[in-house]
Amino acid sequence: MVLAEFSIWPMDKGESVGAYVARAVDIVDRSGLPYKLGPMGTCIEGEWDQVMAVIGQCYKALAADCRRITCTVKIDYRAGKSGMLDAKVASVQKQVGRPLRT
């Protein structure tokens, strides 16, 4: 199972690119894979091919009308492990001994 945090945005559309980010997040949401939207990126969980396909769809959606796109991806692969979107946060909260802002 893969947990991937990614951000994708066009570099040729000025300083306000929320509409393009929303286009990508809509693709993630419609994928059916578990995900969490954050202020600087989106975490998505699934099998490698599923996750990479969604990120690829996001790229293609922006490439339709963007000439320069930046995408950052961080991946955590762990064999036989699922539910990492919540489990990783719960583990840290347990170590701290209290709920944290998420």
PDB file of N, CA and C in Angstrom:
ATOM      1  N   MET A   1       0.853  -1.173   0.000  1.00  0.00           N
ATOM      2  CA  MET A   1       0.000   0.000   0.000  1.00  0.00           C
ATOM      3  C   MET A   1       0.897   1.234   0.000  1.00  0.00           C
ATOM      4  N   VAL A   2       0.438   2.277  -0.660  1.00  0.00           N
ATOM      5  CA  VAL A   2       1.207   3.511  -0.803  1.00  0.00           C
ATOM      6  C   VAL A   2       0.432   4.670  -0.184  1.00  0.00           C
ATOM      7  N   LEU A   3       1.125   5.485   0.549  1.00  0.00           N
ATOM      8  CA  LEU A   3       0.601   6.761   1.013  1.00  0.00           C
ATOM      9  C   LEU A   3       1.435   7.824   0.310  1.00  0.00           C
ATOM     10  N   ALA A   4       0.792   8.651  -0.487  1.00  0.00           N
ATOM     11  CA  ALA A   4       1.514   9.671  -1.253  1.00  0.00           C
ATOM     12  C   ALA A   4       0.949  11.045  -0.926  1.00  0.00           C
ATOM     13  N   GLU A   5       1.846  11.965  -0.647  1.00  0.00           N
ATOM     14  CA  GLU A   5       1.454  13.364  -0.492  1.00  0.00           C
ATOM     15  C   GLU A   5       1.950  14.082  -1.738  1.00  0.00           C
ATOM     16  N   PHE A   6       1.030  14.790  -2.413  1.00  0.00           N
ATOM     17  CA  PHE A   6       1.461  15.491  -3.610  1.00  0.00           C
ATOM     18  C   PHE A   6       0.811  16.865  -3.711  1.00  0.00           C
ATOM     19  N   SER A   7       1.504  17.726  -4.428  1.00  0.00           N
ATOM     20  CA  SER A   7       1.010  19.063  -4.766  1.00  0.00           C
ATOM     21  C   SER A   7       1.273  19.249  -6.244  1.00  0.00           C
ATOM     22  N   ILE A   8       0.312  19.834  -6.934  1.00  0.00           N
ATOM     23  CA  ILE A   8       0.485  20.104  -8.353  1.00  0.00           C
ATOM     24  C   ILE A   8      -0.135  21.461  -8.658  1.00  0.00           C
ATOM     25  N   TRP A   9       0.594  22.271  -9.430  1.00  0.00           N
ATOM     26  CA  TRP A   9       0.094  23.593  -9.769  1.00  0.00           C
ATOM     27  C   TRP A   9       0.802  24.103 -11.025  1.00  0.00           C
ATOM     28  N   PRO A  10       0.113  24.993 -11.755  1.00  0.00           N
ATOM     29  CA  PRO A  10       0.741  25.578 -12.937  1.00  0.00           C
ATOM     30  C   PRO A  10       1.641  26.735 -12.532  1.00  0.00           C
ATOM     31  N   MET A  11       2.721  26.907 -13.257  1.00  0.00           N
ATOM     32  CA  MET A  11       3.629  28.025 -12.978  1.00  0.00           C
ATOM     33  C   MET A  11       3.421  29.184 -13.947  1.00  0.00           C
ATOM     34  N   ASP A  12       2.547  29.002 -14.918  1.00  0.00           N
ATOM     35  CA  ASP A  12       2.370  30.025 -15.949  1.00  0.00           C
ATOM     36  C   ASP A  12       1.008  30.710 -15.889  1.00  0.00           C
ATOM     37  N   LYS A  13       0.341  30.647 -14.726  1.00  0.00           N
ATOM     38  CA  LYS A  13      -1.006  31.211 -14.607  1.00  0.00           C
ATOM     39  C   LYS A  13      -1.116  32.295 -13.539  1.00  0.00           C
ATOM     40  N   GLY A  14       0.003  32.883 -13.165  1.00  0.00           N
ATOM     41  CA  GLY A  14      -0.042  33.952 -12.175  1.00  0.00           C
ATOM     42  C   GLY A  14       0.056  33.432 -10.758  1.00  0.00           C
ATOM     43  N   GLU A  15      -0.209  34.332  -9.818  1.00  0.00           N
ATOM     44  CA  GLU A  15      -0.016  33.960  -8.414  1.00  0.00           C
ATOM     45  C   GLU A  15      -1.235  33.309  -7.775  1.00  0.00           C
ATOM     46  N   SER A  16      -2.386  33.378  -8.383  1.00  0.00           N
ATOM     47  CA  SER A  16      -3.590  32.759  -7.837  1.00  0.00           C
ATOM     48  C   SER A  16      -3.955  31.552  -8.702  1.00  0.00           C
ATOM     49  N   VAL A  17      -3.678  30.357  -8.199  1.00  0.00           N
ATOM     50  CA  VAL A  17      -3.865  29.144  -8.999  1.00  0.00           C
ATOM     51  C   VAL A  17      -4.874  28.174  -8.371  1.00  0.00           C
ATOM     52  N   GLY A  18      -5.705  28.683  -7.468  1.00  0.00           N
ATOM     53  CA  GLY A  18      -6.681  27.843  -6.770  1.00  0.00           C
ATOM     54  C   GLY A  18      -7.614  27.082  -7.694  1.00  0.00           C
ATOM     55  N   ALA A  19      -8.012  27.680  -8.795  1.00  0.00           N
ATOM     56  CA  ALA A  19      -8.920  27.001  -9.726  1.00  0.00           C
ATOM     57  C   ALA A  19      -8.255  25.770 -10.338  1.00  0.00           C
ATOM     58  N   TYR A  20      -6.959  25.837 -10.571  1.00  0.00           N
ATOM     59  CA  TYR A  20      -6.232  24.701 -11.140  1.00  0.00           C
ATOM     60  C   TYR A  20      -6.016  23.618 -10.096  1.00  0.00           C
ATOM     61  N   VAL A  21      -5.710  24.017  -8.873  1.00  0.00           N
ATOM     62  CA  VAL A  21      -5.561  23.057  -7.782  1.00  0.00           C
ATOM     63  C   VAL A  21      -6.895  22.352  -7.545  1.00  0.00           C
ATOM     64  N   ALA A  22      -7.990  23.106  -7.592  1.00  0.00           N
ATOM     65  CA  ALA A  22      -9.319  22.523  -7.410  1.00  0.00           C
ATOM     66  C   ALA A  22      -9.610  21.484  -8.490  1.00  0.00           C
ATOM     67  N   ARG A  23      -9.163  21.733  -9.695  1.00  0.00           N
ATOM     68  CA  ARG A  23      -9.336  20.776 -10.796  1.00  0.00           C
ATOM     69  C   ARG A  23      -8.674  19.441 -10.435  1.00  0.00           C
ATOM     70  N   ALA A  24      -7.472  19.508  -9.882  1.00  0.00           N
ATOM     71  CA  ALA A  24      -6.752  18.292  -9.495  1.00  0.00           C
ATOM     72  C   ALA A  24      -7.430  17.604  -8.309  1.00  0.00           C
ATOM     73  N   VAL A  25      -7.832  18.366  -7.309  1.00  0.00           N
ATOM     74  CA  VAL A  25      -8.456  17.782  -6.128  1.00  0.00           C
ATOM     75  C   VAL A  25      -9.787  17.119  -6.499  1.00  0.00           C
ATOM     76  N   ASP A  26     -10.498  17.672  -7.447  1.00  0.00           N
ATOM     77  CA  ASP A  26     -11.744  17.055  -7.919  1.00  0.00           C
ATOM     78  C   ASP A  26     -11.462  15.665  -8.490  1.00  0.00           C
ATOM     79  N   ILE A  27     -10.374  15.520  -9.215  1.00  0.00           N
ATOM     80  CA  ILE A  27      -9.979  14.219  -9.770  1.00  0.00           C
ATOM     81  C   ILE A  27      -9.679  13.241  -8.639  1.00  0.00           C
ATOM     82  N   VAL A  28      -8.958  13.699  -7.633  1.00  0.00           N
ATOM     83  CA  VAL A  28      -8.648  12.852  -6.473  1.00  0.00           C
ATOM     84  C   VAL A  28      -9.943  12.408  -5.790  1.00  0.00           C
ATOM     85  N   ASP A  29     -10.844  13.338  -5.578  1.00  0.00           N
ATOM     86  CA  ASP A  29     -12.104  13.036  -4.904  1.00  0.00           C
ATOM     87  C   ASP A  29     -12.925  12.016  -5.689  1.00  0.00           C
ATOM     88  N   ARG A  30     -12.976  12.181  -6.989  1.00  0.00           N
ATOM     89  CA  ARG A  30     -13.756  11.274  -7.841  1.00  0.00           C
ATOM     90  C   ARG A  30     -13.095   9.909  -8.016  1.00  0.00           C
ATOM     91  N   SER A  31     -11.820   9.784  -7.641  1.00  0.00           N
ATOM     92  CA  SER A  31     -11.107   8.514  -7.805  1.00  0.00           C
ATOM     93  C   SER A  31     -11.650   7.422  -6.892  1.00  0.00           C
ATOM     94  N   GLY A  32     -12.233   7.816  -5.779  1.00  0.00           N
ATOM     95  CA  GLY A  32     -12.729   6.845  -4.813  1.00  0.00           C
ATOM     96  C   GLY A  32     -11.676   6.370  -3.825  1.00  0.00           C
ATOM     97  N   LEU A  33     -10.431   6.798  -4.018  1.00  0.00           N
ATOM     98  CA  LEU A  33      -9.373   6.411  -3.078  1.00  0.00           C
ATOM     99  C   LEU A  33      -9.461   7.283  -1.818  1.00  0.00           C
ATOM    100  N   PRO A  34      -9.051   6.736  -0.677  1.00  0.00           N
ATOM    101  CA  PRO A  34      -9.011   7.546   0.538  1.00  0.00           C
ATOM    102  C   PRO A  34      -7.993   8.677   0.375  1.00  0.00           C
ATOM    103  N   TYR A  35      -8.361   9.871   0.833  1.00  0.00           N
ATOM    104  CA  TYR A  35      -7.445  11.010   0.739  1.00  0.00           C
ATOM    105  C   TYR A  35      -7.767  12.024   1.823  1.00  0.00           C
ATOM    106  N   LYS A  36      -6.812  12.907   2.060  1.00  0.00           N
ATOM    107  CA  LYS A  36      -7.010  14.050   2.956  1.00  0.00           C
ATOM    108  C   LYS A  36      -6.412  15.269   2.278  1.00  0.00           C
ATOM    109  N   LEU A  37      -7.205  16.300   2.191  1.00  0.00           N
ATOM    110  CA  LEU A  37      -6.769  17.570   1.625  1.00  0.00           C
ATOM    111  C   LEU A  37      -6.102  18.390   2.720  1.00  0.00           C
ATOM    112  N   GLY A  38      -4.944  18.926   2.407  1.00  0.00           N
ATOM    113  CA  GLY A  38      -4.236  19.787   3.344  1.00  0.00           C
ATOM    114  C   GLY A  38      -4.000  21.147   2.717  1.00  0.00           C
ATOM    115  N   PRO A  39      -3.494  22.094   3.482  1.00  0.00           N
ATOM    116  CA  PRO A  39      -3.287  23.440   2.956  1.00  0.00           C
ATOM    117  C   PRO A  39      -2.172  23.541   1.926  1.00  0.00           C
ATOM    118  N   MET A  40      -1.245  22.587   1.927  1.00  0.00           N
ATOM    119  CA  MET A  40      -0.107  22.644   1.006  1.00  0.00           C
ATOM    120  C   MET A  40       0.022  21.396   0.144  1.00  0.00           C
ATOM    121  N   GLY A  41      -0.957  20.494   0.225  1.00  0.00           N
ATOM    122  CA  GLY A  41      -0.895  19.276  -0.561  1.00  0.00           C
ATOM    123  C   GLY A  41      -2.021  18.338  -0.184  1.00  0.00           C
ATOM    124  N   THR A  42      -2.082  17.244  -0.894  1.00  0.00           N
ATOM    125  CA  THR A  42      -3.122  16.241  -0.683  1.00  0.00           C
ATOM    126  C   THR A  42      -2.457  14.890  -0.468  1.00  0.00           C
ATOM    127  N   CYS A  43      -2.895  14.157   0.555  1.00  0.00           N
ATOM    128  CA  CYS A  43      -2.422  12.798   0.794  1.00  0.00           C
ATOM    129  C   CYS A  43      -3.467  11.839   0.241  1.00  0.00           C
ATOM    130  N   ILE A  44      -2.998  10.849  -0.489  1.00  0.00           N
ATOM    131  CA  ILE A  44      -3.880   9.860  -1.097  1.00  0.00           C
ATOM    132  C   ILE A  44      -3.301   8.475  -0.823  1.00  0.00           C
ATOM    133  N   GLU A  45      -4.188   7.497  -0.575  1.00  0.00           N
ATOM    134  CA  GLU A  45      -3.747   6.153  -0.217  1.00  0.00           C
ATOM    135  C   GLU A  45      -4.333   5.126  -1.175  1.00  0.00           C
ATOM    136  N   GLY A  46      -3.511   4.167  -1.573  1.00  0.00           N
ATOM    137  CA  GLY A  46      -3.976   3.089  -2.439  1.00  0.00           C
ATOM    138  C   GLY A  46      -2.800   2.268  -2.926  1.00  0.00           C
ATOM    139  N   GLU A  47      -3.072   1.392  -3.861  1.00  0.00           N
ATOM    140  CA  GLU A  47      -1.999   0.628  -4.482  1.00  0.00           C
ATOM    141  C   GLU A  47      -1.191   1.557  -5.390  1.00  0.00           C
ATOM    142  N   TRP A  48       0.066   1.216  -5.621  1.00  0.00           N
ATOM    143  CA  TRP A  48       0.975   2.062  -6.402  1.00  0.00           C
ATOM    144  C   TRP A  48       0.345   2.517  -7.716  1.00  0.00           C
ATOM    145  N   ASP A  49      -0.132   1.567  -8.509  1.00  0.00           N
ATOM    146  CA  ASP A  49      -0.669   1.902  -9.827  1.00  0.00           C
ATOM    147  C   ASP A  49      -1.892   2.812  -9.735  1.00  0.00           C
ATOM    148  N   GLN A  50      -2.726   2.603  -8.724  1.00  0.00           N
ATOM    149  CA  GLN A  50      -3.907   3.450  -8.543  1.00  0.00           C
ATOM    150  C   GLN A  50      -3.507   4.889  -8.235  1.00  0.00           C
ATOM    151  N   VAL A  51      -2.605   5.035  -7.290  1.00  0.00           N
ATOM    152  CA  VAL A  51      -2.179   6.369  -6.861  1.00  0.00           C
ATOM    153  C   VAL A  51      -1.466   7.099  -8.003  1.00  0.00           C
ATOM    154  N   MET A  52      -0.565   6.400  -8.676  1.00  0.00           N
ATOM    155  CA  MET A  52       0.158   7.024  -9.788  1.00  0.00           C
ATOM    156  C   MET A  52      -0.788   7.391 -10.932  1.00  0.00           C
ATOM    157  N   ALA A  53      -1.822   6.581 -11.148  1.00  0.00           N
ATOM    158  CA  ALA A  53      -2.803   6.896 -12.192  1.00  0.00           C
ATOM    159  C   ALA A  53      -3.563   8.177 -11.863  1.00  0.00           C
ATOM    160  N   VAL A  54      -3.922   8.357 -10.600  1.00  0.00           N
ATOM    161  CA  VAL A  54      -4.643   9.571 -10.199  1.00  0.00           C
ATOM    162  C   VAL A  54      -3.745  10.798 -10.363  1.00  0.00           C
ATOM    163  N   ILE A  55      -2.502  10.703  -9.929  1.00  0.00           N
ATOM    164  CA  ILE A  55      -1.582  11.825 -10.091  1.00  0.00           C
ATOM    165  C   ILE A  55      -1.384  12.120 -11.574  1.00  0.00           C
ATOM    166  N   GLY A  56      -1.294  11.086 -12.389  1.00  0.00           N
ATOM    167  CA  GLY A  56      -1.175  11.265 -13.834  1.00  0.00           C
ATOM    168  C   GLY A  56      -2.387  11.949 -14.431  1.00  0.00           C
ATOM    169  N   GLN A  57      -3.576  11.605 -13.958  1.00  0.00           N
ATOM    170  CA  GLN A  57      -4.797  12.261 -14.438  1.00  0.00           C
ATOM    171  C   GLN A  57      -4.798  13.741 -14.058  1.00  0.00           C
ATOM    172  N   CYS A  58      -4.295  14.045 -12.870  1.00  0.00           N
ATOM    173  CA  CYS A  58      -4.207  15.443 -12.442  1.00  0.00           C
ATOM    174  C   CYS A  58      -3.270  16.217 -13.369  1.00  0.00           C
ATOM    175  N   TYR A  59      -2.137  15.610 -13.680  1.00  0.00           N
ATOM    176  CA  TYR A  59      -1.189  16.237 -14.604  1.00  0.00           C
ATOM    177  C   TYR A  59      -1.848  16.497 -15.957  1.00  0.00           C
ATOM    178  N   LYS A  60      -2.516  15.503 -16.508  1.00  0.00           N
ATOM    179  CA  LYS A  60      -3.150  15.656 -17.824  1.00  0.00           C
ATOM    180  C   LYS A  60      -4.223  16.738 -17.809  1.00  0.00           C
ATOM    181  N   ALA A  61      -4.962  16.840 -16.719  1.00  0.00           N
ATOM    182  CA  ALA A  61      -6.003  17.859 -16.618  1.00  0.00           C
ATOM    183  C   ALA A  61      -5.402  19.264 -16.650  1.00  0.00           C
ATOM    184  N   LEU A  62      -4.270  19.451 -15.998  1.00  0.00           N
ATOM    185  CA  LEU A  62      -3.629  20.764 -16.024  1.00  0.00           C
ATOM    186  C   LEU A  62      -2.907  21.003 -17.344  1.00  0.00           C
ATOM    187  N   ALA A  63      -2.303  19.956 -17.899  1.00  0.00           N
ATOM    188  CA  ALA A  63      -1.552  20.100 -19.145  1.00  0.00           C
ATOM    189  C   ALA A  63      -2.440  20.508 -20.320  1.00  0.00           C
ATOM    190  N   ALA A  64      -3.732  20.341 -20.173  1.00  0.00           N
ATOM    191  CA  ALA A  64      -4.660  20.722 -21.240  1.00  0.00           C
ATOM    192  C   ALA A  64      -4.569  22.206 -21.572  1.00  0.00           C
ATOM    193  N   ASP A  65      -4.262  23.031 -20.561  1.00  0.00           N
ATOM    194  CA  ASP A  65      -4.189  24.471 -20.835  1.00  0.00           C
ATOM    195  C   ASP A  65      -3.081  25.184 -20.044  1.00  0.00           C
ATOM    196  N   CYS A  66      -2.130  24.430 -19.536  1.00  0.00           N
ATOM    197  CA  CYS A  66      -0.993  25.006 -18.819  1.00  0.00           C
ATOM    198  C   CYS A  66       0.291  24.587 -19.531  1.00  0.00           C
ATOM    199  N   ARG A  67       1.168  25.541 -19.729  1.00  0.00           N
ATOM    200  CA  ARG A  67       2.418  25.242 -20.431  1.00  0.00           C
ATOM    201  C   ARG A  67       3.552  24.850 -19.491  1.00  0.00           C
ATOM    202  N   ARG A  68       3.394  25.150 -18.199  1.00  0.00           N
ATOM    203  CA  ARG A  68       4.432  24.786 -17.227  1.00  0.00           C
ATOM    204  C   ARG A  68       3.758  24.372 -15.929  1.00  0.00           C
ATOM    205  N   ILE A  69       4.078  23.152 -15.473  1.00  0.00           N
ATOM    206  CA  ILE A  69       3.433  22.565 -14.296  1.00  0.00           C
ATOM    207  C   ILE A  69       4.514  22.050 -13.351  1.00  0.00           C
ATOM    208  N   THR A  70       4.319  22.309 -12.071  1.00  0.00           N
ATOM    209  CA  THR A  70       5.198  21.754 -11.050  1.00  0.00           C
ATOM    210  C   THR A  70       4.398  20.750 -10.231  1.00  0.00           C
ATOM    211  N   CYS A  71       5.037  19.616  -9.920  1.00  0.00           N
ATOM    212  CA  CYS A  71       4.403  18.600  -9.092  1.00  0.00           C
ATOM    213  C   CYS A  71       5.451  18.052  -8.133  1.00  0.00           C
ATOM    214  N   THR A  72       5.128  18.049  -6.860  1.00  0.00           N
ATOM    215  CA  THR A  72       5.988  17.420  -5.868  1.00  0.00           C
ATOM    216  C   THR A  72       5.250  16.210  -5.327  1.00  0.00           C
ATOM    217  N   VAL A  73       5.984  15.117  -5.111  1.00  0.00           N
ATOM    218  CA  VAL A  73       5.375  13.882  -4.609  1.00  0.00           C
ATOM    219  C   VAL A  73       6.286  13.274  -3.550  1.00  0.00           C
ATOM    220  N   LYS A  74       5.703  12.918  -2.410  1.00  0.00           N
ATOM    221  CA  LYS A  74       6.385  12.177  -1.347  1.00  0.00           C
ATOM    222  C   LYS A  74       5.638  10.865  -1.185  1.00  0.00           C
ATOM    223  N   ILE A  75       6.353   9.745  -1.164  1.00  0.00           N
ATOM    224  CA  ILE A  75       5.699   8.440  -1.116  1.00  0.00           C
ATOM    225  C   ILE A  75       6.229   7.619   0.055  1.00  0.00           C
ATOM    226  N   ASP A  76       5.289   6.981   0.757  1.00  0.00           N
ATOM    227  CA  ASP A  76       5.610   6.033   1.818  1.00  0.00           C
ATOM    228  C   ASP A  76       4.965   4.708   1.428  1.00  0.00           C
ATOM    229  N   TYR A  77       5.792   3.708   1.106  1.00  0.00           N
ATOM    230  CA  TYR A  77       5.288   2.377   0.771  1.00  0.00           C
ATOM    231  C   TYR A  77       5.488   1.472   1.978  1.00  0.00           C
ATOM    232  N   ARG A  78       4.441   0.745   2.307  1.00  0.00           N
ATOM    233  CA  ARG A  78       4.562  -0.231   3.397  1.00  0.00           C
ATOM    234  C   ARG A  78       3.746  -1.461   3.024  1.00  0.00           C
ATOM    235  N   ALA A  79       4.423  -2.571   2.846  1.00  0.00           N
ATOM    236  CA  ALA A  79       3.772  -3.810   2.424  1.00  0.00           C
ATOM    237  C   ALA A  79       2.725  -4.248   3.436  1.00  0.00           C
ATOM    238  N   GLY A  80       1.552  -4.587   2.932  1.00  0.00           N
ATOM    239  CA  GLY A  80       0.502  -5.146   3.773  1.00  0.00           C
ATOM    240  C   GLY A  80      -0.141  -4.189   4.749  1.00  0.00           C
ATOM    241  N   LYS A  81       0.110  -2.920   4.632  1.00  0.00           N
ATOM    242  CA  LYS A  81      -0.418  -1.944   5.585  1.00  0.00           C
ATOM    243  C   LYS A  81      -1.386  -1.013   4.876  1.00  0.00           C
ATOM    244  N   SER A  82      -2.574  -0.851   5.436  1.00  0.00           N
ATOM    245  CA  SER A  82      -3.530   0.118   4.908  1.00  0.00           C
ATOM    246  C   SER A  82      -4.030   0.977   6.066  1.00  0.00           C
ATOM    247  N   GLY A  83      -4.822   1.989   5.749  1.00  0.00           N
ATOM    248  CA  GLY A  83      -5.340   2.873   6.785  1.00  0.00           C
ATOM    249  C   GLY A  83      -4.307   3.836   7.337  1.00  0.00           C
ATOM    250  N   MET A  84      -3.245   4.073   6.573  1.00  0.00           N
ATOM    251  CA  MET A  84      -2.154   4.926   7.069  1.00  0.00           C
ATOM    252  C   MET A  84      -2.541   6.401   7.172  1.00  0.00           C
ATOM    253  N   LEU A  85      -3.551   6.822   6.412  1.00  0.00           N
ATOM    254  CA  LEU A  85      -3.973   8.226   6.497  1.00  0.00           C
ATOM    255  C   LEU A  85      -4.301   8.607   7.937  1.00  0.00           C
ATOM    256  N   ASP A  86      -4.977   7.738   8.639  1.00  0.00           N
ATOM    257  CA  ASP A  86      -5.358   8.018  10.020  1.00  0.00           C
ATOM    258  C   ASP A  86      -4.394   7.407  11.031  1.00  0.00           C
ATOM    259  N   ALA A  87      -3.847   6.245  10.722  1.00  0.00           N
ATOM    260  CA  ALA A  87      -3.000   5.532  11.682  1.00  0.00           C
ATOM    261  C   ALA A  87      -1.734   6.304  12.025  1.00  0.00           C
ATOM    262  N   LYS A  88      -1.126   6.959  11.038  1.00  0.00           N
ATOM    263  CA  LYS A  88       0.109   7.700  11.305  1.00  0.00           C
ATOM    264  C   LYS A  88      -0.152   8.859  12.266  1.00  0.00           C
ATOM    265  N   VAL A  89      -1.259   9.550  12.065  1.00  0.00           N
ATOM    266  CA  VAL A  89      -1.613  10.673  12.943  1.00  0.00           C
ATOM    267  C   VAL A  89      -1.944  10.151  14.344  1.00  0.00           C
ATOM    268  N   ALA A  90      -2.710   9.078  14.412  1.00  0.00           N
ATOM    269  CA  ALA A  90      -3.079   8.503  15.710  1.00  0.00           C
ATOM    270  C   ALA A  90      -1.847   8.054  16.484  1.00  0.00           C
ATOM    271  N   SER A  91      -0.868   7.517  15.790  1.00  0.00           N
ATOM    272  CA  SER A  91       0.360   7.072  16.443  1.00  0.00           C
ATOM    273  C   SER A  91       1.104   8.238  17.090  1.00  0.00           C
ATOM    274  N   VAL A  92       1.204   9.345  16.384  1.00  0.00           N
ATOM    275  CA  VAL A  92       1.884  10.520  16.936  1.00  0.00           C
ATOM    276  C   VAL A  92       1.103  11.068  18.124  1.00  0.00           C
ATOM    277  N   GLN A  93      -0.221  11.129  18.004  1.00  0.00           N
ATOM    278  CA  GLN A  93      -1.039  11.626  19.108  1.00  0.00           C
ATOM    279  C   GLN A  93      -0.891  10.738  20.343  1.00  0.00           C
ATOM    280  N   LYS A  94      -0.794   9.438  20.129  1.00  0.00           N
ATOM    281  CA  LYS A  94      -0.601   8.512  21.248  1.00  0.00           C
ATOM    282  C   LYS A  94       0.731   8.790  21.937  1.00  0.00           C
ATOM    283  N   GLN A  95       1.783   9.030  21.159  1.00  0.00           N
ATOM    284  CA  GLN A  95       3.101   9.305  21.731  1.00  0.00           C
ATOM    285  C   GLN A  95       3.107  10.622  22.516  1.00  0.00           C
ATOM    286  N   VAL A  96       2.372  11.609  22.012  1.00  0.00           N
ATOM    287  CA  VAL A  96       2.284  12.909  22.696  1.00  0.00           C
ATOM    288  C   VAL A  96       1.369  12.810  23.920  1.00  0.00           C
ATOM    289  N   GLY A  97       0.382  11.931  23.827  1.00  0.00           N
ATOM    290  CA  GLY A  97      -0.522  11.726  24.966  1.00  0.00           C
ATOM    291  C   GLY A  97      -1.748  12.599  24.935  1.00  0.00           C
ATOM    292  N   ARG A  98      -2.043  13.199  23.778  1.00  0.00           N
ATOM    293  CA  ARG A  98      -3.239  14.027  23.679  1.00  0.00           C
ATOM    294  C   ARG A  98      -3.561  14.266  22.201  1.00  0.00           C
ATOM    295  N   PRO A  99      -4.803  14.644  21.915  1.00  0.00           N
ATOM    296  CA  PRO A  99      -5.158  14.977  20.538  1.00  0.00           C
ATOM    297  C   PRO A  99      -4.406  16.224  20.068  1.00  0.00           C
ATOM    298  N   LEU A 100      -4.046  16.219  18.824  1.00  0.00           N
ATOM    299  CA  LEU A 100      -3.371  17.366  18.220  1.00  0.00           C
ATOM    300  C   LEU A 100      -4.237  17.917  17.092  1.00  0.00           C
ATOM    301  N   ARG A 101      -4.000  19.147  16.731  1.00  0.00           N
ATOM    302  CA  ARG A 101      -4.740  19.734  15.604  1.00  0.00           C
ATOM    303  C   ARG A 101      -4.322  19.054  14.319  1.00  0.00           C
ATOM    304  N   THR A 102      -5.302  18.641  13.543  1.00  0.00           N
ATOM    305  CA  THR A 102      -5.009  18.017  12.252  1.00  0.00           C
ATOM    306  C   THR A 102      -5.787  18.699  11.155  1.00  0.00           C
TER     307      THR A 102
END
